[in-house]
C-alpha cells in the first residue's frame, strides 16, 4: 500500500524518501490535494543511482527571486504555513 505525502513533504524529505523507496516503499504524491504521481522502486537495482552521485540533486539554484521572498516564503504562500 502506498504512503500518501504532499509535494512539499517530498521536497523537504527527498533523501529519506529515496532511501525508503530503494528499500521497497511506495508513495503517492499529492499536488493541490489531489494525487499527481507515484514513486515506486525500479525493478532493476542496477539502474539505481545514489543521491550523492546525482549531479542534478546537488545542483545549485538557477535563479533568484525578484520579490525579496525566500524559498521558504514561497512554500508558505503556495502550500500554506502549517509545517516548515
N, C-alpha and C. Protein backbone atom coordinates (compact mmCIF):
# COMPACT_ATOMS: atom_id res chain seq x y z
N UNK A 1 0.84 -1.18 0.00
CA UNK A 1 0.00 0.00 0.00
C UNK A 1 0.89 1.25 0.00
N UNK A 2 0.53 2.23 -0.81
CA UNK A 2 1.32 3.45 -0.91
C UNK A 2 1.14 4.34 0.32
N UNK A 3 2.23 5.02 0.68
CA UNK A 3 2.14 6.09 1.67
C UNK A 3 1.78 7.36 0.91
N UNK A 4 0.93 8.18 1.47
CA UNK A 4 0.49 9.41 0.80
C UNK A 4 1.23 10.58 1.42
N UNK A 5 1.87 11.40 0.55
CA UNK A 5 2.60 12.59 1.01
C UNK A 5 2.29 13.74 0.08
N UNK A 6 2.51 14.95 0.55
CA UNK A 6 2.33 16.14 -0.29
C UNK A 6 3.60 16.41 -1.09
N UNK A 7 3.46 17.24 -2.11
CA UNK A 7 4.64 17.62 -2.89
C UNK A 7 5.65 18.34 -2.01
N UNK A 8 5.18 19.12 -1.06
CA UNK A 8 6.09 19.82 -0.15
C UNK A 8 6.85 18.82 0.71
N UNK A 9 6.15 17.81 1.24
CA UNK A 9 6.83 16.78 2.03
C UNK A 9 7.88 16.06 1.20
N UNK A 10 7.58 15.84 -0.07
CA UNK A 10 8.55 15.19 -0.96
C UNK A 10 9.82 16.03 -1.07
N UNK A 11 9.66 17.33 -1.30
CA UNK A 11 10.83 18.21 -1.43
C UNK A 11 11.65 18.24 -0.15
N UNK A 12 10.97 18.37 0.97
CA UNK A 12 11.66 18.50 2.25
C UNK A 12 12.37 17.21 2.65
N UNK A 13 11.79 16.07 2.29
CA UNK A 13 12.29 14.78 2.76
C UNK A 13 12.87 13.91 1.65
N UNK A 14 13.27 14.48 0.54
CA UNK A 14 13.69 13.69 -0.61
C UNK A 14 14.75 12.63 -0.30
N UNK A 15 15.84 12.96 0.39
CA UNK A 15 16.84 11.91 0.64
C UNK A 15 16.27 10.70 1.39
N UNK A 16 15.45 10.97 2.42
CA UNK A 16 14.87 9.86 3.18
C UNK A 16 13.88 9.07 2.33
N UNK A 17 13.09 9.76 1.51
CA UNK A 17 12.12 9.07 0.65
C UNK A 17 12.84 8.20 -0.36
N UNK A 18 13.93 8.70 -0.93
CA UNK A 18 14.71 7.89 -1.88
C UNK A 18 15.21 6.63 -1.19
N UNK A 19 15.74 6.78 0.01
CA UNK A 19 16.21 5.60 0.75
C UNK A 19 15.08 4.62 1.01
N UNK A 20 13.93 5.14 1.41
CA UNK A 20 12.77 4.28 1.67
C UNK A 20 12.34 3.53 0.41
N UNK A 21 12.30 4.24 -0.71
CA UNK A 21 11.87 3.62 -1.97
C UNK A 21 12.89 2.56 -2.40
N UNK A 22 14.15 2.83 -2.21
CA UNK A 22 15.16 1.83 -2.55
C UNK A 22 15.00 0.56 -1.72
N UNK A 23 14.37 0.69 -0.56
CA UNK A 23 14.10 -0.48 0.29
C UNK A 23 12.70 -1.04 0.05
N UNK A 24 11.97 -0.51 -0.94
CA UNK A 24 10.69 -1.10 -1.31
C UNK A 24 9.45 -0.27 -1.03
N UNK A 25 9.59 0.87 -0.36
CA UNK A 25 8.42 1.70 -0.07
C UNK A 25 7.85 2.29 -1.35
N UNK A 26 6.57 2.60 -1.32
CA UNK A 26 5.88 3.22 -2.46
C UNK A 26 5.15 4.45 -1.94
N UNK A 27 5.13 5.52 -2.73
CA UNK A 27 4.48 6.76 -2.33
C UNK A 27 3.53 7.23 -3.41
N UNK A 28 2.42 7.82 -2.98
CA UNK A 28 1.55 8.60 -3.86
C UNK A 28 1.73 10.05 -3.43
N UNK A 29 2.07 10.91 -4.39
CA UNK A 29 2.34 12.31 -4.09
C UNK A 29 1.12 13.15 -4.48
N UNK A 30 0.68 13.97 -3.52
CA UNK A 30 -0.45 14.87 -3.76
C UNK A 30 0.06 16.23 -4.18
N UNK A 31 -0.61 16.81 -5.14
CA UNK A 31 -0.34 18.19 -5.56
C UNK A 31 -1.68 18.91 -5.56
N UNK A 32 -1.77 19.95 -4.77
CA UNK A 32 -3.04 20.66 -4.59
C UNK A 32 -4.14 19.71 -4.12
N UNK A 33 -3.77 18.87 -3.18
CA UNK A 33 -4.68 17.93 -2.52
C UNK A 33 -5.22 16.82 -3.41
N UNK A 34 -4.62 16.63 -4.59
CA UNK A 34 -5.05 15.55 -5.48
C UNK A 34 -3.86 14.68 -5.86
N UNK A 35 -4.08 13.38 -6.01
CA UNK A 35 -2.97 12.51 -6.43
C UNK A 35 -2.39 12.97 -7.76
N UNK A 36 -1.07 13.16 -7.80
CA UNK A 36 -0.41 13.64 -9.01
C UNK A 36 0.46 12.56 -9.65
N UNK A 37 1.18 11.80 -8.83
CA UNK A 37 2.04 10.75 -9.37
C UNK A 37 2.44 9.80 -8.24
N UNK A 38 3.05 8.69 -8.65
CA UNK A 38 3.53 7.69 -7.69
C UNK A 38 5.04 7.57 -7.80
N UNK A 39 5.65 7.25 -6.69
CA UNK A 39 7.08 6.94 -6.66
C UNK A 39 7.17 5.48 -6.25
N UNK A 40 7.78 4.69 -7.11
CA UNK A 40 7.89 3.25 -6.86
C UNK A 40 9.33 2.83 -7.10
N UNK A 41 9.76 1.74 -6.50
CA UNK A 41 11.14 1.25 -6.73
C UNK A 41 11.33 0.82 -8.18
N UNK A 42 12.55 0.99 -8.68
CA UNK A 42 12.86 0.46 -10.01
C UNK A 42 12.95 -1.05 -9.92
N UNK A 43 12.62 -1.70 -11.01
CA UNK A 43 12.64 -3.16 -10.99
C UNK A 43 14.06 -3.72 -11.06
N UNK A 44 14.97 -2.98 -11.67
CA UNK A 44 16.35 -3.44 -11.83
C UNK A 44 17.26 -2.60 -10.94
N UNK A 45 17.74 -3.14 -9.83
CA UNK A 45 18.60 -2.36 -8.92
C UNK A 45 19.85 -1.81 -9.60
N UNK A 46 20.27 -2.39 -10.70
CA UNK A 46 21.45 -1.89 -11.43
C UNK A 46 21.20 -0.47 -11.96
N UNK A 47 19.94 -0.08 -12.12
CA UNK A 47 19.61 1.23 -12.67
C UNK A 47 19.62 2.34 -11.62
N UNK A 48 19.66 1.99 -10.35
CA UNK A 48 19.60 2.99 -9.28
C UNK A 48 20.90 3.79 -9.20
N UNK A 49 20.76 5.08 -8.96
CA UNK A 49 21.90 5.97 -8.79
C UNK A 49 21.81 6.57 -7.39
N UNK A 50 22.84 6.41 -6.56
CA UNK A 50 22.81 7.02 -5.22
C UNK A 50 22.68 8.54 -5.34
N UNK A 51 21.93 9.16 -4.43
CA UNK A 51 21.75 10.61 -4.50
C UNK A 51 23.07 11.35 -4.47
N UNK A 52 24.04 10.86 -3.73
CA UNK A 52 25.33 11.55 -3.64
C UNK A 52 26.01 11.66 -5.01
N UNK A 53 25.65 10.77 -5.93
CA UNK A 53 26.25 10.79 -7.26
C UNK A 53 25.37 11.49 -8.30
N UNK A 54 24.20 11.96 -7.89
CA UNK A 54 23.26 12.60 -8.82
C UNK A 54 23.56 14.09 -8.90
N UNK A 55 24.11 14.53 -10.01
CA UNK A 55 24.52 15.93 -10.15
C UNK A 55 23.33 16.88 -10.12
N UNK A 56 22.18 16.48 -10.61
CA UNK A 56 21.01 17.35 -10.59
C UNK A 56 20.52 17.57 -9.17
N UNK A 57 20.54 16.53 -8.35
CA UNK A 57 20.08 16.65 -6.97
C UNK A 57 20.95 17.63 -6.19
N UNK A 58 22.24 17.66 -6.45
CA UNK A 58 23.17 18.52 -5.72
C UNK A 58 23.41 19.86 -6.43
N UNK A 59 22.68 20.16 -7.49
CA UNK A 59 22.91 21.38 -8.27
C UNK A 59 22.51 22.62 -7.48
N UNK A 60 23.19 23.71 -7.76
CA UNK A 60 22.85 24.99 -7.15
C UNK A 60 21.56 25.53 -7.77
N UNK A 61 20.95 26.49 -7.09
CA UNK A 61 19.75 27.14 -7.62
C UNK A 61 20.10 27.85 -8.93
N UNK A 62 19.13 27.92 -9.83
CA UNK A 62 19.38 28.51 -11.14
C UNK A 62 19.08 29.99 -11.22
N UNK A 63 18.26 30.49 -10.37
CA UNK A 63 17.87 31.89 -10.47
C UNK A 63 17.67 32.52 -9.11
N UNK A 64 17.25 33.76 -9.16
CA UNK A 64 16.99 34.50 -7.94
C UNK A 64 15.59 35.07 -8.02
N UNK A 65 14.98 35.25 -6.87
CA UNK A 65 13.67 35.86 -6.86
C UNK A 65 13.83 37.36 -6.96
N UNK A 66 12.83 38.02 -7.49
CA UNK A 66 12.87 39.47 -7.60
C UNK A 66 11.89 40.12 -6.62
N UNK A 67 11.20 39.30 -5.84
CA UNK A 67 10.21 39.84 -4.91
C UNK A 67 10.73 39.96 -3.48
N UNK A 68 11.97 39.56 -3.24
CA UNK A 68 12.55 39.67 -1.91
C UNK A 68 12.17 38.55 -0.96
N UNK A 69 11.40 37.58 -1.43
CA UNK A 69 10.98 36.47 -0.58
C UNK A 69 11.97 35.32 -0.70
N UNK A 70 12.04 34.51 0.35
CA UNK A 70 12.90 33.32 0.33
C UNK A 70 12.12 32.14 -0.24
N UNK A 71 12.82 31.05 -0.48
CA UNK A 71 12.16 29.82 -0.92
C UNK A 71 11.13 29.36 0.10
N UNK A 72 11.46 29.47 1.39
CA UNK A 72 10.51 29.09 2.45
C UNK A 72 9.26 29.98 2.40
N UNK A 73 9.46 31.27 2.12
CA UNK A 73 8.30 32.17 1.99
C UNK A 73 7.40 31.72 0.84
N UNK A 74 8.01 31.38 -0.28
CA UNK A 74 7.23 30.91 -1.43
C UNK A 74 6.48 29.63 -1.10
N UNK A 75 7.14 28.72 -0.39
CA UNK A 75 6.47 27.47 0.01
C UNK A 75 5.24 27.77 0.86
N UNK A 76 5.38 28.71 1.81
CA UNK A 76 4.24 29.05 2.67
C UNK A 76 3.10 29.63 1.84
N UNK A 77 3.43 30.46 0.87
CA UNK A 77 2.40 31.04 0.01
C UNK A 77 1.71 29.98 -0.84
N UNK A 78 2.50 29.05 -1.37
CA UNK A 78 1.94 28.02 -2.26
C UNK A 78 1.23 26.91 -1.51
N UNK A 79 1.79 26.49 -0.39
CA UNK A 79 1.31 25.29 0.27
C UNK A 79 0.71 25.52 1.64
N UNK A 80 0.69 26.76 2.11
CA UNK A 80 0.16 27.03 3.44
C UNK A 80 1.26 27.02 4.48
N UNK A 81 0.99 27.57 5.62
CA UNK A 81 2.03 27.74 6.62
C UNK A 81 2.03 26.72 7.73
N UNK A 82 1.40 25.57 7.55
CA UNK A 82 1.29 24.59 8.62
C UNK A 82 2.60 24.01 9.08
N UNK A 83 3.49 23.62 8.17
CA UNK A 83 4.74 22.96 8.56
C UNK A 83 5.91 23.63 7.88
N UNK A 84 7.07 23.53 8.52
CA UNK A 84 8.29 24.08 7.94
C UNK A 84 9.24 22.98 7.64
